[in-house]
Amino acid sequence: MESHAPAAEERKRTMGQYYLAVDIGASSGRHVLGCVRDGKIILEEVYRFENGLVRKNGRLCWDSARLFREIVSGMKRCAELGKAPASVGIDTWGVDFALLDADGELIGDTVGYRDSRTQGMDAEVEKLIPAEELYRRTGIQKQSFNTIYQLMAVKLTQPDQLRRAGHFLMMPEYFNYLLTGKIKNEYTNATTTGLLHAEKKNWDFELIGKLGLPASIFGPVFLPTTEVGGLKPEIRAEVGYDCKVVLPATHDTGSAVAAVPASGEDYAYISSGTWSLMGIETSKPIISDKALEWNFTNEGGVGNTYRFLRNIVGLWLVQECRRFWAREGKEYNYTQITEMAAAAEPFRSVLDTDHSS
């Protein structure tokens, strides 16, 4: 007869332990503590902060130093509540990255995907590899801000940065590095770069070579649930405890889709935020003429899945309206904006939010 003692011991061991999720989007970030109580997952938001692009050295950038301070502040808040987590996982949006030199120091700024530096970079990439071949290899939809085009912009306008680079990290991996001193690339976010081979689930080094990018900066690709390491001594002293830093699906949509409360295979999902993502989960990438024509993407998922989806403009328009109004001295929260929209004349104007203009 099979013994269930190990499973029971594991449940007993983890009962009452807290686990911290740090979820950072384009407009805000939050720290959510989770624990298992009476067979249920209990979630508690303990910290929230705003995010947004800032103008720096002529570019639209993420204030990565401030974001990291917010991450640490939220971790300190857990200790203040007497709920130090056993582990922490960080996710963010995709495509954006940090370059580190051989000494682990940040090179340049963490430029955001809405910056104009990628204008015309798709044409530069297509001089080296046709768009159709690129899609066949990576399964990733063409978007002007994809990492592949950002790196081409760096190569053509700031080549010294690539010459100095020792490591390539997506944004959550960079924050993990600041917490632990350890460097690990994660699978779901790596797929958003347009540099990962869809079938092999690893960097497409042949593609990277064709583009003239340094292959040495791309490290081994690790799957979600991989442990990164413990906190650095100075971080441990600041937050008041030690914990493991682990890799979730570090691409926020990957984590969101993993939590979809569906069973079986006959379902679709919509994940709404700054972007709205609509799609399905599959066991194999769908790379076809139709998928290419309709510009669907195959992003990596949790549990050996692919997220076959379409990126749709989401709440970014509302976020930008709010930012514009605030600049004019009109401060509205999202509840007020929702009420104003409900009271307005419906369908007065129709906008193509995906228009290239």
Protein backbone atom coordinates (compact mmCIF):
# COMPACT_ATOMS: atom_id res chain seq x y z
CA MET A 1 0.00 0.00 0.00
CA GLU A 2 1.38 3.40 -1.01
CA SER A 3 2.22 5.71 1.88
CA HIS A 4 0.95 9.29 1.81
CA ALA A 5 3.21 10.30 4.70
CA PRO A 6 5.67 12.35 2.60
CA ALA A 7 2.85 14.41 1.07
CA ALA A 8 1.29 14.94 4.49
CA GLU A 9 4.63 16.00 5.93
CA GLU A 10 5.12 18.47 3.08
CA ARG A 11 1.67 19.98 3.69
CA LYS A 12 2.44 20.27 7.39
CA ARG A 13 5.83 21.85 6.69
CA THR A 14 4.42 24.51 4.38
CA MET A 15 1.31 25.26 6.45
CA GLY A 16 1.50 28.84 7.63
CA GLN A 17 4.48 29.73 5.44
CA TYR A 18 4.19 32.85 3.35
CA TYR A 19 5.25 33.26 -0.27
CA LEU A 20 5.72 36.67 -1.87
CA ALA A 21 4.82 37.57 -5.45
CA VAL A 22 6.12 40.88 -6.81
CA ASP A 23 4.13 41.77 -9.92
CA ILE A 24 5.32 44.85 -11.81
CA GLY A 25 3.43 46.21 -14.77
CA ALA A 26 3.91 49.24 -16.97
CA SER A 27 1.84 51.50 -14.71
CA SER A 28 2.11 49.98 -11.22
CA GLY A 29 3.61 47.25 -9.10
CA ARG A 30 2.34 45.30 -6.13
CA HIS A 31 3.53 42.83 -3.52
CA VAL A 32 1.10 40.02 -2.76
CA LEU A 33 1.66 37.55 0.07
CA GLY A 34 0.17 34.10 -0.23
CA CYS A 35 -0.24 31.26 2.21
CA VAL A 36 -2.16 27.99 2.40
CA ARG A 37 -4.79 27.88 5.12
CA ASP A 38 -7.37 25.11 5.57
CA GLY A 39 -6.65 23.85 2.09
CA LYS A 40 -7.17 27.26 0.49
CA ILE A 41 -4.73 29.76 -0.97
CA ILE A 42 -5.09 33.07 0.88
CA LEU A 43 -3.76 36.19 -0.84
CA GLU A 44 -3.04 39.58 0.72
CA GLU A 45 -1.76 42.69 -1.04
CA VAL A 46 0.77 44.31 1.29
CA TYR A 47 2.42 46.99 -0.85
CA ARG A 48 1.73 48.94 -4.05
CA PHE A 49 3.64 51.52 -6.03
CA GLU A 50 3.38 53.41 -9.30
CA ASN A 51 5.50 52.82 -12.37
CA GLY A 52 5.99 54.68 -15.62
CA LEU A 53 8.52 55.67 -18.20
CA VAL A 54 10.81 58.64 -17.54
CA ARG A 55 12.80 60.73 -20.00
CA LYS A 56 16.52 60.12 -19.50
CA ASN A 57 19.41 60.98 -21.81
CA GLY A 58 16.93 61.59 -24.61
CA ARG A 59 15.26 58.19 -24.22
CA LEU A 60 12.13 56.82 -22.55
CA CYS A 61 13.49 54.64 -19.76
CA TRP A 62 12.39 52.64 -16.77
CA ASP A 63 13.70 54.01 -13.48
CA SER A 64 15.14 50.64 -12.55
CA ALA A 65 16.92 51.99 -9.45
CA ARG A 66 13.64 53.31 -8.04
CA LEU A 67 11.79 50.12 -8.97
CA PHE A 68 14.36 48.08 -7.09
CA ARG A 69 13.99 50.34 -4.05
CA GLU A 70 10.24 49.71 -4.23
CA ILE A 71 10.82 45.96 -4.38
CA VAL A 72 12.96 46.12 -1.24
CA SER A 73 10.46 48.43 0.52
CA GLY A 74 7.68 45.94 -0.12
CA MET A 75 9.81 43.13 1.23
CA LYS A 76 10.49 45.18 4.37
CA ARG A 77 6.74 45.67 4.75
CA CYS A 78 6.33 41.89 5.02
CA ALA A 79 8.68 41.85 8.01
CA GLU A 80 6.80 44.74 9.62
CA LEU A 81 3.61 42.67 9.37
CA GLY A 82 5.34 39.68 10.94
CA LYS A 83 4.92 37.71 7.72
CA ALA A 84 8.41 37.14 6.36
CA PRO A 85 8.12 35.02 3.21
CA ALA A 86 9.93 31.75 2.61
CA SER A 87 10.43 32.72 -1.02
CA VAL A 88 9.89 35.59 -3.43
CA GLY A 89 9.27 35.61 -7.17
CA ILE A 90 9.25 38.65 -9.46
CA ASP A 91 7.50 39.11 -12.78
CA THR A 92 7.34 42.12 -15.10
CA TRP A 93 6.29 42.98 -18.64
CA GLY A 94 8.30 41.40 -21.46
CA VAL A 95 10.81 42.52 -24.13
CA ASP A 96 12.84 45.05 -22.05
CA PHE A 97 16.29 44.22 -20.72
CA ALA A 98 19.47 45.27 -18.95
CA LEU A 99 23.04 44.77 -20.11
CA LEU A 100 25.73 44.14 -17.49
CA ASP A 101 29.46 44.37 -17.96
CA ALA A 102 31.91 41.67 -16.88
CA ASP A 103 31.91 43.12 -13.34
CA GLY A 104 28.13 42.97 -13.08
CA GLU A 105 27.61 46.71 -13.46
CA LEU A 106 24.69 48.10 -15.46
CA ILE A 107 25.64 49.45 -18.89
CA GLY A 108 23.66 52.51 -19.94
CA ASP A 109 19.97 52.91 -19.15
CA THR A 110 17.11 50.44 -19.05
CA VAL A 111 15.32 51.81 -22.10
CA GLY A 112 11.60 51.10 -22.40
CA TYR A 113 9.85 49.44 -25.30
CA ARG A 114 7.85 52.57 -26.14
CA ASP A 115 11.00 54.52 -26.97
CA SER A 116 11.46 55.46 -30.63
CA ARG A 117 14.90 53.87 -31.02
CA THR A 118 13.40 50.81 -32.74
CA GLN A 119 11.99 52.81 -35.66
CA GLY A 120 13.22 51.19 -38.86
CA MET A 121 14.99 48.38 -37.01
CA ASP A 122 12.65 45.74 -38.44
CA ALA A 123 13.96 46.63 -41.90
CA GLU A 124 17.55 46.34 -40.62
CA VAL A 125 16.84 42.88 -39.20
CA GLU A 126 15.12 41.80 -42.42
CA LYS A 127 18.27 42.65 -44.37
CA LEU A 128 19.86 39.76 -42.45
CA ILE A 129 16.93 37.35 -42.11
CA PRO A 130 13.53 37.45 -43.87
CA ALA A 131 10.50 38.08 -41.65
CA GLU A 132 8.96 34.74 -42.66
CA GLU A 133 12.08 32.79 -41.67
CA LEU A 134 12.28 34.68 -38.39
CA TYR A 135 8.70 33.68 -37.56
CA ARG A 136 9.32 30.05 -38.55
CA ARG A 137 12.24 29.90 -36.13
CA THR A 138 10.86 31.81 -33.15
CA GLY A 139 7.06 31.74 -33.53
CA ILE A 140 6.97 35.30 -32.19
CA GLN A 141 4.74 37.93 -33.77
CA LYS A 142 6.30 40.96 -35.34
CA GLN A 143 6.10 43.97 -33.04
CA SER A 144 8.37 46.94 -33.58
CA PHE A 145 9.45 46.96 -29.94
CA ASN A 146 10.49 43.31 -29.65
CA THR A 147 13.86 42.79 -28.01
CA ILE A 148 15.41 41.67 -31.29
CA TYR A 149 14.78 45.14 -32.73
CA GLN A 150 15.91 46.89 -29.56
CA LEU A 151 19.21 45.02 -29.67
CA MET A 152 19.62 45.89 -33.34
CA ALA A 153 19.18 49.55 -32.36
CA VAL A 154 21.90 49.17 -29.72
CA LYS A 155 24.18 47.46 -32.24
CA LEU A 156 23.78 50.23 -34.80
CA THR A 157 23.72 53.30 -32.54
CA GLN A 158 25.63 52.29 -29.39
CA PRO A 159 27.88 49.39 -30.44
CA ASP A 160 30.24 49.99 -27.53
CA GLN A 161 27.52 48.82 -25.15
CA LEU A 162 27.44 45.40 -26.82
CA ARG A 163 31.24 45.22 -26.93
CA ARG A 164 31.35 45.85 -23.17
CA ALA A 165 28.44 43.55 -22.33
CA GLY A 166 29.02 40.40 -20.36
CA HIS A 167 25.43 39.49 -19.55
CA PHE A 168 21.96 40.01 -21.00
CA LEU A 169 19.11 40.03 -18.46
CA MET A 170 15.41 40.67 -18.85
CA MET A 171 14.05 43.16 -16.32
CA PRO A 172 12.90 40.69 -13.62
CA GLU A 173 16.16 38.79 -13.97
CA TYR A 174 18.03 42.04 -13.37
CA PHE A 175 16.06 42.62 -10.17
CA ASN A 176 16.79 39.02 -9.12
CA TYR A 177 20.47 39.74 -9.70
CA LEU A 178 20.31 42.83 -7.50
CA LEU A 179 18.69 40.75 -4.74
CA THR A 180 20.97 37.71 -4.95
CA GLY A 181 24.06 38.48 -7.01
CA LYS A 182 23.10 35.47 -9.19
CA ILE A 183 22.40 35.60 -12.92
CA LYS A 184 19.76 33.34 -14.45
CA ASN A 185 17.74 33.77 -17.65
CA GLU A 186 14.14 32.55 -17.47
CA TYR A 187 12.25 30.79 -20.26
CA THR A 188 8.89 32.57 -20.54
CA ASN A 189 10.42 36.03 -20.70
CA ALA A 190 13.19 34.88 -23.02
CA THR A 191 10.54 33.88 -25.57
CA THR A 192 9.40 37.52 -25.83
CA THR A 193 12.81 38.53 -27.18
CA GLY A 194 12.30 36.98 -30.61
CA LEU A 195 15.68 35.28 -30.16
CA LEU A 196 14.58 31.93 -28.73
CA HIS A 197 14.01 28.90 -30.96
CA ALA A 198 10.36 27.91 -30.50
CA GLU A 199 10.86 24.15 -30.81
CA LYS A 200 14.20 23.85 -29.01
CA LYS A 201 13.22 26.22 -26.15
CA ASN A 202 16.72 27.65 -26.12
CA TRP A 203 18.50 30.64 -27.60
CA ASP A 204 18.70 30.43 -31.38
CA PHE A 205 22.44 30.98 -31.60
CA GLU A 206 22.42 30.65 -35.39
CA LEU A 207 19.96 33.55 -35.54
CA ILE A 208 21.96 35.52 -32.98
CA GLY A 209 25.06 35.01 -35.13
CA LYS A 210 23.27 36.20 -38.29
CA LEU A 211 22.29 39.38 -36.46
CA GLY A 212 25.88 40.02 -35.38
CA LEU A 213 25.02 39.96 -31.67
CA PRO A 214 27.50 38.57 -29.10
CA ALA A 215 26.37 35.03 -28.27
CA SER A 216 28.34 34.99 -25.02
CA ILE A 217 25.95 37.39 -23.25
CA PHE A 218 23.04 34.94 -23.43
CA GLY A 219 23.18 32.49 -20.53
CA PRO A 220 21.48 29.14 -19.95
CA VAL A 221 17.68 29.29 -20.00
CA PHE A 222 15.94 28.08 -16.83
CA LEU A 223 12.32 27.04 -16.41
CA PRO A 224 9.86 28.51 -13.88
CA THR A 225 10.23 27.13 -10.30
CA THR A 226 14.06 27.21 -10.56
CA GLU A 227 15.71 28.65 -7.46
CA VAL A 228 17.94 31.67 -8.13
CA GLY A 229 19.51 31.97 -4.68
CA GLY A 230 19.31 33.58 -1.26
CA LEU A 231 19.39 37.29 -0.53
CA LYS A 232 22.72 39.13 -0.51
CA PRO A 233 23.89 39.95 3.04
CA GLU A 234 23.17 43.68 2.67
CA ILE A 235 19.65 43.00 1.37
CA ARG A 236 19.05 40.47 4.12
CA ALA A 237 20.07 43.04 6.71
CA GLU A 238 17.83 45.71 5.19
CA VAL A 239 14.63 43.65 4.90
CA GLY A 240 15.16 41.81 8.19
CA TYR A 241 15.06 38.20 6.99
CA ASP A 242 16.45 35.77 4.45
CA CYS A 243 14.40 33.98 1.81
CA LYS A 244 14.82 32.13 -1.45
CA VAL A 245 14.45 34.01 -4.70
CA VAL A 246 12.79 31.75 -7.26
CA LEU A 247 11.84 32.06 -10.91
CA PRO A 248 8.11 32.21 -11.54
CA ALA A 249 6.99 32.73 -15.11
CA THR A 250 8.84 36.05 -15.05
CA HIS A 251 6.79 37.33 -17.98
CA ASP A 252 3.68 38.64 -16.23
CA THR A 253 1.29 37.19 -18.81
CA GLY A 254 2.88 33.78 -18.34
CA SER A 255 2.13 33.91 -14.63
CA ALA A 256 -1.40 35.22 -15.27
CA VAL A 257 -2.22 32.44 -17.72
CA ALA A 258 -0.84 29.81 -15.35
CA ALA A 259 -3.50 30.95 -12.87
CA VAL A 260 -6.44 30.69 -15.31
CA PRO A 261 -9.08 28.60 -13.46
CA ALA A 262 -9.82 26.26 -16.36
CA SER A 263 -9.77 22.50 -16.76
CA GLY A 264 -9.43 20.47 -19.92
CA GLU A 265 -8.19 22.00 -23.15
CA ASP A 266 -11.28 23.63 -24.67
CA TYR A 267 -10.92 27.16 -23.34
CA ALA A 268 -9.48 30.55 -24.17
CA TYR A 269 -8.29 33.33 -21.88
CA ILE A 270 -8.13 37.11 -21.86
CA SER A 271 -5.53 38.73 -19.62
CA SER A 272 -6.15 42.46 -19.32
CA GLY A 273 -3.78 45.16 -18.18
CA THR A 274 -1.74 47.74 -20.06
CA TRP A 275 -2.03 45.16 -22.82
CA SER A 276 -4.88 42.72 -23.35
CA LEU A 277 -3.74 39.24 -24.34
CA MET A 278 -6.25 36.84 -25.87
CA GLY A 279 -5.32 33.27 -26.68
CA ILE A 280 -5.10 29.61 -25.80
CA GLU A 281 -2.59 27.24 -24.24
CA THR A 282 -1.13 24.52 -26.46
CA SER A 283 1.40 21.73 -26.07
CA LYS A 284 3.14 22.69 -29.32
CA PRO A 285 3.76 26.02 -31.03
CA ILE A 286 1.37 26.91 -33.85
CA ILE A 287 3.59 28.23 -36.61
CA SER A 288 1.65 28.39 -39.85
CA ASP A 289 0.99 30.72 -42.77
CA LYS A 290 -2.30 31.79 -41.15
CA ALA A 291 -0.64 32.44 -37.78
CA LEU A 292 1.98 34.57 -39.54
CA GLU A 293 -0.65 36.42 -41.59
CA TRP A 294 -2.76 37.20 -38.53
CA ASN A 295 0.33 38.05 -36.47
CA PHE A 296 -0.27 35.59 -33.64
CA THR A 297 2.55 34.81 -31.26
CA ASN A 298 3.80 31.68 -29.47
CA GLU A 299 5.13 32.72 -26.07
CA GLY A 300 6.47 30.26 -23.56
CA GLY A 301 4.18 29.04 -20.80
CA VAL A 302 4.37 27.14 -17.53
CA GLY A 303 4.42 23.34 -17.56
CA ASN A 304 5.79 22.81 -21.08
CA THR A 305 3.03 24.86 -22.69
CA TYR A 306 2.92 27.58 -25.29
CA ARG A 307 0.70 30.64 -25.11
CA PHE A 308 -0.69 31.10 -28.60
CA LEU A 309 -2.13 34.59 -28.43
CA ARG A 310 -2.66 38.01 -29.90
CA ASN A 311 -1.41 41.19 -28.25
CA ILE A 312 -4.15 43.85 -28.20
CA VAL A 313 -3.89 47.41 -26.94
CA GLY A 314 -5.42 47.33 -23.45
CA LEU A 315 -5.68 49.93 -20.71
CA TRP A 316 -2.64 51.88 -21.93
CA LEU A 317 -4.91 54.45 -23.59
CA VAL A 318 -6.69 55.06 -20.27
CA GLN A 319 -3.36 55.25 -18.43
CA GLU A 320 -2.07 57.80 -20.93
CA CYS A 321 -5.26 59.89 -20.70
CA ARG A 322 -4.92 59.92 -16.91
CA ARG A 323 -1.26 60.97 -17.18
CA PHE A 324 -2.13 63.74 -19.67
CA TRP A 325 -4.97 65.07 -17.50
CA ALA A 326 -2.73 65.02 -14.41
CA ARG A 327 -0.19 67.13 -16.30
CA GLU A 328 -2.99 69.68 -16.81
CA GLY A 329 -3.82 69.64 -13.10
CA LYS A 330 -6.82 67.32 -13.37
CA GLU A 331 -6.29 64.38 -11.05
CA TYR A 332 -8.66 61.45 -11.62
CA ASN A 333 -8.50 57.99 -10.12
CA TYR A 334 -9.58 54.97 -12.14
CA THR A 335 -12.95 54.75 -10.41
CA GLN A 336 -13.74 58.32 -11.45
CA ILE A 337 -12.61 57.67 -15.02
CA THR A 338 -14.81 54.57 -15.21
CA GLU A 339 -17.82 56.53 -13.95
CA MET A 340 -17.14 59.33 -16.46
CA ALA A 341 -16.92 56.81 -19.29
CA ALA A 342 -20.18 55.16 -18.25
CA ALA A 343 -21.95 58.54 -18.28
CA ALA A 344 -20.58 59.59 -21.68
CA GLU A 345 -22.36 59.21 -25.00
CA PRO A 346 -21.61 55.65 -26.20
CA PHE A 347 -19.69 55.03 -29.42
CA ARG A 348 -19.35 58.72 -30.22
CA SER A 349 -15.99 57.93 -31.77
CA VAL A 350 -14.43 54.70 -33.00
CA LEU A 351 -10.64 54.39 -32.95
CA ASP A 352 -8.40 51.72 -34.43
CA THR A 353 -6.10 51.35 -31.44
CA ASP A 354 -3.73 49.07 -33.37
CA HIS A 355 -3.21 51.55 -36.23
CA SER A 356 0.46 52.12 -36.97
CA SER A 357 0.09 55.89 -36.56
